[in-house]
């Protein structure tokens, strides 16, 4: 097993990109209940961290996702967790009690296999669920 990545050890451009991504992902999570796309803590948004050091955007092997079991009204940029493309949480400054979403493996799979994907949204919309359950 390789040594765990520490956010504090990454370069300033990457740390800034992680902070920006955390803010965007937190804001997008606020939209899910507003539009009736989720109930309780189900569903999530993730975004791949993209760094621009002045010579164009570069995709990293990191993404940001919500922590498991945290209600939408408690989510902030500071509670968003950072994971590798293997779905492992890095040492991102969040408490150990904030574990990545139970759907992290699915998000990581998409990022590993689709380099063109920058974000993933997974919802449990009651309307879509009802439509799928119809006979």
N, C-alpha and C. Protein backbone atom coordinates (compact mmCIF):
# COMPACT_ATOMS: atom_id res chain seq x y z
N UNK A 1 0.85 -1.19 0.00
CA UNK A 1 0.00 0.00 0.00
C UNK A 1 0.89 1.24 0.00
N UNK A 2 0.58 2.20 -0.84
CA UNK A 2 1.39 3.40 -0.93
C UNK A 2 1.05 4.36 0.21
N UNK A 3 1.96 5.29 0.44
CA UNK A 3 1.76 6.28 1.49
C UNK A 3 0.60 7.20 1.10
N UNK A 4 -0.18 7.56 2.09
CA UNK A 4 -1.36 8.40 1.86
C UNK A 4 -0.94 9.81 1.45
N UNK A 5 -1.59 10.34 0.45
CA UNK A 5 -1.33 11.70 -0.03
C UNK A 5 -1.81 12.69 1.03
N UNK A 6 -0.99 13.72 1.26
CA UNK A 6 -1.36 14.78 2.21
C UNK A 6 -1.59 16.07 1.43
N UNK A 7 -2.77 16.64 1.60
CA UNK A 7 -3.09 17.90 0.93
C UNK A 7 -2.07 18.97 1.26
N UNK A 8 -1.64 19.02 2.51
CA UNK A 8 -0.69 20.04 2.94
C UNK A 8 0.64 19.95 2.19
N UNK A 9 0.98 18.78 1.66
CA UNK A 9 2.25 18.60 0.95
C UNK A 9 2.16 18.93 -0.54
N UNK A 10 0.97 19.17 -1.06
CA UNK A 10 0.81 19.46 -2.49
C UNK A 10 1.20 20.90 -2.79
N UNK A 11 1.52 21.18 -4.05
CA UNK A 11 1.92 22.54 -4.43
C UNK A 11 0.74 23.51 -4.30
N UNK A 12 1.06 24.78 -4.26
CA UNK A 12 0.05 25.83 -4.02
C UNK A 12 -1.04 25.85 -5.09
N UNK A 13 -0.67 25.60 -6.34
CA UNK A 13 -1.68 25.58 -7.41
C UNK A 13 -2.69 24.47 -7.17
N UNK A 14 -2.20 23.30 -6.78
CA UNK A 14 -3.10 22.16 -6.54
C UNK A 14 -3.96 22.42 -5.32
N UNK A 15 -3.37 22.96 -4.25
CA UNK A 15 -4.17 23.27 -3.05
C UNK A 15 -5.27 24.28 -3.38
N UNK A 16 -4.94 25.28 -4.19
CA UNK A 16 -5.94 26.26 -4.60
C UNK A 16 -7.04 25.63 -5.44
N UNK A 17 -6.65 24.73 -6.34
CA UNK A 17 -7.64 24.04 -7.18
C UNK A 17 -8.55 23.17 -6.33
N UNK A 18 -8.00 22.51 -5.31
CA UNK A 18 -8.81 21.69 -4.41
C UNK A 18 -9.81 22.58 -3.66
N UNK A 19 -9.35 23.72 -3.15
CA UNK A 19 -10.24 24.64 -2.42
C UNK A 19 -11.37 25.13 -3.33
N UNK A 20 -11.03 25.51 -4.56
CA UNK A 20 -12.05 25.96 -5.51
C UNK A 20 -13.05 24.85 -5.82
N UNK A 21 -12.54 23.64 -6.00
CA UNK A 21 -13.41 22.50 -6.31
C UNK A 21 -14.32 22.19 -5.14
N UNK A 22 -13.79 22.25 -3.92
CA UNK A 22 -14.62 22.02 -2.73
C UNK A 22 -15.77 23.03 -2.67
N UNK A 23 -15.49 24.29 -2.97
CA UNK A 23 -16.55 25.32 -2.94
C UNK A 23 -17.63 25.02 -3.98
N UNK A 24 -17.21 24.67 -5.19
CA UNK A 24 -18.18 24.37 -6.24
C UNK A 24 -19.03 23.15 -5.90
N UNK A 25 -18.39 22.10 -5.42
CA UNK A 25 -19.11 20.87 -5.11
C UNK A 25 -20.09 21.10 -3.96
N UNK A 26 -19.69 21.87 -2.95
CA UNK A 26 -20.61 22.19 -1.85
C UNK A 26 -21.82 22.97 -2.37
N UNK A 27 -21.57 23.94 -3.24
CA UNK A 27 -22.67 24.74 -3.80
C UNK A 27 -23.60 23.88 -4.64
N UNK A 28 -23.05 22.96 -5.40
CA UNK A 28 -23.88 22.08 -6.23
C UNK A 28 -24.72 21.15 -5.37
N UNK A 29 -24.17 20.70 -4.25
CA UNK A 29 -24.97 19.85 -3.36
C UNK A 29 -26.19 20.59 -2.82
N UNK A 30 -26.06 21.88 -2.61
CA UNK A 30 -27.20 22.67 -2.13
C UNK A 30 -28.33 22.70 -3.15
N UNK A 31 -28.00 22.53 -4.42
CA UNK A 31 -29.02 22.54 -5.47
C UNK A 31 -29.83 21.25 -5.53
N UNK A 32 -29.26 20.13 -5.12
CA UNK A 32 -29.96 18.85 -5.24
C UNK A 32 -31.28 18.81 -4.48
N UNK A 33 -31.31 19.14 -3.18
CA UNK A 33 -32.61 19.13 -2.50
C UNK A 33 -33.53 20.26 -2.98
N UNK A 34 -32.94 21.38 -3.36
CA UNK A 34 -33.74 22.51 -3.83
C UNK A 34 -34.58 22.12 -5.05
N UNK A 35 -34.04 21.26 -5.89
CA UNK A 35 -34.73 20.83 -7.10
C UNK A 35 -35.43 19.48 -6.94
N UNK A 36 -35.49 18.97 -5.71
CA UNK A 36 -36.20 17.72 -5.45
C UNK A 36 -35.52 16.49 -6.03
N UNK A 37 -34.20 16.54 -6.16
CA UNK A 37 -33.48 15.44 -6.77
C UNK A 37 -32.98 14.41 -5.77
N UNK A 38 -33.05 14.72 -4.48
CA UNK A 38 -32.58 13.80 -3.44
C UNK A 38 -33.49 13.86 -2.23
N UNK A 39 -33.42 12.82 -1.42
CA UNK A 39 -34.08 12.81 -0.12
C UNK A 39 -33.06 12.37 0.92
N UNK A 40 -33.22 12.85 2.13
CA UNK A 40 -32.30 12.56 3.25
C UNK A 40 -30.86 12.86 2.85
N UNK A 41 -29.99 11.85 2.93
CA UNK A 41 -28.58 12.07 2.56
C UNK A 41 -28.21 11.37 1.26
N UNK A 42 -29.19 10.81 0.57
CA UNK A 42 -28.92 10.05 -0.65
C UNK A 42 -28.48 10.98 -1.78
N UNK A 43 -27.69 10.44 -2.68
CA UNK A 43 -27.25 11.19 -3.85
C UNK A 43 -26.02 12.02 -3.55
N UNK A 44 -25.32 12.41 -4.60
CA UNK A 44 -24.11 13.21 -4.42
C UNK A 44 -23.60 13.74 -5.75
N UNK A 45 -22.69 14.69 -5.62
CA UNK A 45 -22.01 15.30 -6.76
C UNK A 45 -20.52 15.16 -6.49
N UNK A 46 -19.76 14.91 -7.53
CA UNK A 46 -18.30 14.94 -7.40
C UNK A 46 -17.73 15.72 -8.58
N UNK A 47 -16.52 16.20 -8.39
CA UNK A 47 -15.84 16.92 -9.47
C UNK A 47 -14.36 16.59 -9.42
N UNK A 48 -13.82 16.31 -10.58
CA UNK A 48 -12.37 16.06 -10.67
C UNK A 48 -11.64 17.38 -10.46
N UNK A 49 -10.52 17.32 -9.75
CA UNK A 49 -9.71 18.52 -9.50
C UNK A 49 -8.87 18.80 -10.74
N UNK A 50 -9.01 20.02 -11.26
CA UNK A 50 -8.26 20.45 -12.44
C UNK A 50 -7.38 21.62 -12.02
N UNK A 51 -6.10 21.54 -12.32
CA UNK A 51 -5.13 22.56 -11.93
C UNK A 51 -4.70 23.34 -13.16
N UNK A 52 -4.61 24.66 -13.01
CA UNK A 52 -4.07 25.50 -14.08
C UNK A 52 -2.90 26.28 -13.52
N UNK A 53 -1.72 25.92 -13.97
CA UNK A 53 -0.50 26.59 -13.50
C UNK A 53 -0.08 27.71 -14.47
N UNK A 54 -1.00 28.13 -15.31
CA UNK A 54 -0.71 29.18 -16.27
C UNK A 54 -0.47 28.68 -17.67
N UNK A 55 -0.33 27.37 -17.82
CA UNK A 55 -0.08 26.81 -19.15
C UNK A 55 -1.22 25.91 -19.60
N UNK A 56 -2.41 26.17 -19.08
CA UNK A 56 -3.59 25.40 -19.45
C UNK A 56 -3.99 24.41 -18.37
N UNK A 57 -5.24 23.98 -18.41
CA UNK A 57 -5.75 23.08 -17.38
C UNK A 57 -5.14 21.68 -17.47
N UNK A 58 -4.86 21.12 -16.30
CA UNK A 58 -4.31 19.77 -16.20
C UNK A 58 -5.19 18.99 -15.23
N UNK A 59 -5.67 17.84 -15.68
CA UNK A 59 -6.48 16.99 -14.81
C UNK A 59 -5.57 16.28 -13.82
N UNK A 60 -6.00 16.24 -12.57
CA UNK A 60 -5.24 15.53 -11.55
C UNK A 60 -5.88 14.16 -11.32
N UNK A 61 -5.27 13.39 -10.47
CA UNK A 61 -5.82 12.09 -10.08
C UNK A 61 -6.57 12.22 -8.76
N UNK A 62 -7.22 13.37 -8.57
CA UNK A 62 -8.00 13.63 -7.36
C UNK A 62 -9.39 14.09 -7.74
N UNK A 63 -10.36 13.81 -6.86
CA UNK A 63 -11.70 14.37 -7.02
C UNK A 63 -12.29 14.66 -5.66
N UNK A 64 -13.29 15.54 -5.65
CA UNK A 64 -13.95 15.98 -4.42
C UNK A 64 -15.37 15.42 -4.43
N UNK A 65 -15.81 14.92 -3.27
CA UNK A 65 -17.15 14.34 -3.12
C UNK A 65 -17.65 14.62 -1.71
N UNK A 66 -18.95 14.51 -1.51
CA UNK A 66 -19.50 14.75 -0.18
C UNK A 66 -19.19 13.58 0.75
N UNK A 67 -19.14 13.86 2.04
CA UNK A 67 -18.94 12.77 3.00
C UNK A 67 -20.22 11.96 3.18
N UNK A 68 -20.05 10.73 3.57
CA UNK A 68 -21.18 9.81 3.76
C UNK A 68 -22.02 10.20 4.96
N UNK A 69 -23.34 10.14 4.78
CA UNK A 69 -24.27 10.30 5.89
C UNK A 69 -24.44 11.69 6.45
N UNK A 70 -23.88 12.69 5.82
CA UNK A 70 -24.00 14.07 6.30
C UNK A 70 -25.17 14.72 5.57
N UNK A 71 -26.07 15.34 6.33
CA UNK A 71 -27.25 15.94 5.72
C UNK A 71 -26.85 17.15 4.87
N UNK A 72 -27.66 17.42 3.88
CA UNK A 72 -27.34 18.49 2.94
C UNK A 72 -27.22 19.86 3.60
N UNK A 73 -28.00 20.10 4.64
CA UNK A 73 -27.93 21.41 5.30
C UNK A 73 -26.68 21.57 6.15
N UNK A 74 -25.92 20.51 6.36
CA UNK A 74 -24.68 20.57 7.13
C UNK A 74 -23.44 20.61 6.24
N UNK A 75 -23.62 20.50 4.94
CA UNK A 75 -22.48 20.45 4.03
C UNK A 75 -21.90 21.84 3.79
N UNK A 76 -20.58 21.92 3.84
CA UNK A 76 -19.85 23.15 3.51
C UNK A 76 -18.64 22.74 2.67
N UNK A 77 -17.96 23.72 2.13
CA UNK A 77 -16.73 23.42 1.39
C UNK A 77 -15.73 22.68 2.28
N UNK A 78 -15.69 23.04 3.55
CA UNK A 78 -14.73 22.42 4.47
C UNK A 78 -15.07 20.98 4.82
N UNK A 79 -16.31 20.53 4.58
CA UNK A 79 -16.66 19.14 4.88
C UNK A 79 -16.52 18.23 3.67
N UNK A 80 -16.27 18.80 2.50
CA UNK A 80 -16.09 17.98 1.30
C UNK A 80 -14.78 17.20 1.41
N UNK A 81 -14.81 15.93 1.03
CA UNK A 81 -13.61 15.10 1.14
C UNK A 81 -12.94 14.95 -0.22
N UNK A 82 -11.63 14.75 -0.19
CA UNK A 82 -10.83 14.63 -1.40
C UNK A 82 -10.35 13.19 -1.51
N UNK A 83 -10.55 12.60 -2.69
CA UNK A 83 -10.20 11.20 -2.92
C UNK A 83 -9.29 11.04 -4.13
N UNK A 84 -8.58 9.93 -4.15
CA UNK A 84 -7.79 9.54 -5.32
C UNK A 84 -8.72 8.85 -6.31
N UNK A 85 -8.22 8.60 -7.50
CA UNK A 85 -9.03 7.89 -8.49
C UNK A 85 -9.24 6.42 -8.14
N UNK A 86 -8.61 5.97 -7.07
CA UNK A 86 -8.88 4.64 -6.53
C UNK A 86 -9.99 4.69 -5.48
N UNK A 87 -10.50 5.89 -5.20
CA UNK A 87 -11.58 6.04 -4.23
C UNK A 87 -11.12 6.16 -2.79
N UNK A 88 -9.82 6.32 -2.59
CA UNK A 88 -9.28 6.43 -1.23
C UNK A 88 -9.22 7.90 -0.82
N UNK A 89 -9.68 8.18 0.39
CA UNK A 89 -9.62 9.54 0.92
C UNK A 89 -8.16 9.89 1.21
N UNK A 90 -7.76 11.08 0.78
CA UNK A 90 -6.41 11.54 1.11
C UNK A 90 -6.47 12.23 2.47
N UNK A 91 -5.32 12.57 3.01
CA UNK A 91 -5.25 13.35 4.24
C UNK A 91 -5.55 14.79 3.84
N UNK A 92 -6.85 15.12 3.85
CA UNK A 92 -7.31 16.40 3.29
C UNK A 92 -7.66 17.44 4.34
N UNK A 93 -7.35 17.17 5.60
CA UNK A 93 -7.63 18.13 6.66
C UNK A 93 -9.00 17.98 7.28
N UNK A 94 -9.83 17.08 6.75
CA UNK A 94 -11.15 16.84 7.36
C UNK A 94 -10.99 15.78 8.44
N UNK A 95 -11.91 15.77 9.41
CA UNK A 95 -11.83 14.75 10.46
C UNK A 95 -11.95 13.34 9.88
N UNK A 96 -11.34 12.39 10.56
CA UNK A 96 -11.41 10.99 10.13
C UNK A 96 -12.84 10.49 10.10
N UNK A 97 -13.71 11.11 10.90
CA UNK A 97 -15.12 10.70 10.94
C UNK A 97 -15.85 11.04 9.64
N UNK A 98 -15.31 11.95 8.84
CA UNK A 98 -15.91 12.27 7.54
C UNK A 98 -15.33 11.32 6.51
N UNK A 99 -16.08 10.28 6.22
CA UNK A 99 -15.64 9.29 5.24
C UNK A 99 -16.30 9.59 3.90
N UNK A 100 -15.68 9.20 2.80
CA UNK A 100 -16.27 9.48 1.49
C UNK A 100 -17.63 8.80 1.33
N UNK A 101 -18.45 9.37 0.50
CA UNK A 101 -19.76 8.83 0.17
C UNK A 101 -19.68 7.34 -0.14
N UNK A 102 -20.74 6.63 0.17
CA UNK A 102 -20.78 5.20 -0.15
C UNK A 102 -20.77 4.96 -1.66
N UNK A 103 -21.01 6.00 -2.45
CA UNK A 103 -20.99 5.89 -3.91
C UNK A 103 -19.64 6.28 -4.52
N UNK A 104 -18.64 6.51 -3.68
CA UNK A 104 -17.34 6.97 -4.15
C UNK A 104 -16.73 6.03 -5.18
N UNK A 105 -16.84 4.73 -4.97
CA UNK A 105 -16.24 3.77 -5.91
C UNK A 105 -16.80 3.95 -7.32
N UNK A 106 -18.10 4.22 -7.43
CA UNK A 106 -18.71 4.42 -8.75
C UNK A 106 -18.17 5.69 -9.40
N UNK A 107 -18.06 6.76 -8.63
CA UNK A 107 -17.51 8.01 -9.16
C UNK A 107 -16.07 7.80 -9.61
N UNK A 108 -15.26 7.13 -8.77
CA UNK A 108 -13.85 6.88 -9.10
C UNK A 108 -13.73 6.06 -10.38
N UNK A 109 -14.60 5.08 -10.53
CA UNK A 109 -14.59 4.24 -11.73
C UNK A 109 -14.80 5.09 -12.98
N UNK A 110 -15.76 5.99 -12.93
CA UNK A 110 -16.03 6.86 -14.08
C UNK A 110 -14.80 7.69 -14.40
N UNK A 111 -14.19 8.32 -13.39
CA UNK A 111 -13.01 9.16 -13.64
C UNK A 111 -11.83 8.35 -14.17
N UNK A 112 -11.65 7.14 -13.68
CA UNK A 112 -10.54 6.30 -14.15
C UNK A 112 -10.71 5.89 -15.61
N UNK A 113 -11.95 5.65 -16.00
CA UNK A 113 -12.21 5.10 -17.34
C UNK A 113 -12.67 6.14 -18.37
N UNK A 114 -12.99 7.33 -17.92
CA UNK A 114 -13.46 8.38 -18.84
C UNK A 114 -12.71 9.67 -18.54
N UNK A 115 -11.58 9.84 -19.19
CA UNK A 115 -10.74 11.01 -18.97
C UNK A 115 -11.46 12.31 -19.34
N UNK A 116 -12.49 12.22 -20.18
CA UNK A 116 -13.21 13.40 -20.63
C UNK A 116 -14.27 13.86 -19.64
N UNK A 117 -14.51 13.10 -18.58
CA UNK A 117 -15.55 13.45 -17.60
C UNK A 117 -14.94 14.28 -16.48
N UNK A 118 -15.54 15.44 -16.22
CA UNK A 118 -15.06 16.32 -15.16
C UNK A 118 -15.91 16.30 -13.92
N UNK A 119 -17.13 15.75 -14.01
CA UNK A 119 -18.01 15.70 -12.85
C UNK A 119 -19.04 14.61 -12.99
N UNK A 120 -19.53 14.15 -11.84
CA UNK A 120 -20.55 13.10 -11.80
C UNK A 120 -21.64 13.53 -10.82
N UNK A 121 -22.89 13.34 -11.22
CA UNK A 121 -24.04 13.61 -10.34
C UNK A 121 -24.83 12.32 -10.20
N UNK A 122 -25.10 11.93 -8.97
CA UNK A 122 -25.88 10.72 -8.68
C UNK A 122 -27.05 11.15 -7.80
N UNK A 123 -28.26 11.01 -8.31
CA UNK A 123 -29.43 11.44 -7.54
C UNK A 123 -30.38 10.28 -7.29
N UNK A 124 -31.29 10.53 -6.38
CA UNK A 124 -32.37 9.60 -6.08
C UNK A 124 -33.68 10.38 -6.21
N UNK A 125 -33.86 10.99 -7.34
CA UNK A 125 -35.06 11.79 -7.57
C UNK A 125 -36.30 10.93 -7.39
N UNK A 126 -37.22 11.35 -6.52
CA UNK A 126 -38.46 10.58 -6.35
C UNK A 126 -39.22 10.40 -7.67
N UNK A 127 -39.18 11.41 -8.52
CA UNK A 127 -39.89 11.32 -9.80
C UNK A 127 -39.25 10.28 -10.72
N UNK A 128 -37.92 10.28 -10.79
CA UNK A 128 -37.23 9.30 -11.63
C UNK A 128 -37.41 7.89 -11.06
N UNK A 129 -37.36 7.78 -9.74
CA UNK A 129 -37.54 6.47 -9.11
C UNK A 129 -38.95 5.94 -9.38
N UNK A 130 -39.94 6.80 -9.25
CA UNK A 130 -41.32 6.39 -9.52
C UNK A 130 -41.48 5.98 -10.99
N UNK A 131 -40.88 6.74 -11.89
CA UNK A 131 -40.96 6.42 -13.31
C UNK A 131 -40.32 5.06 -13.59
N UNK A 132 -39.17 4.80 -12.98
CA UNK A 132 -38.47 3.54 -13.20
C UNK A 132 -39.24 2.35 -12.61
N UNK A 133 -40.04 2.59 -11.57
CA UNK A 133 -40.76 1.51 -10.90
C UNK A 133 -42.12 1.21 -11.53
N UNK A 134 -42.50 2.00 -12.51
CA UNK A 134 -43.83 1.80 -13.11
C UNK A 134 -43.90 0.45 -13.82
N UNK A 135 -45.11 -0.04 -13.99
CA UNK A 135 -45.30 -1.33 -14.69
C UNK A 135 -45.66 -1.09 -16.13
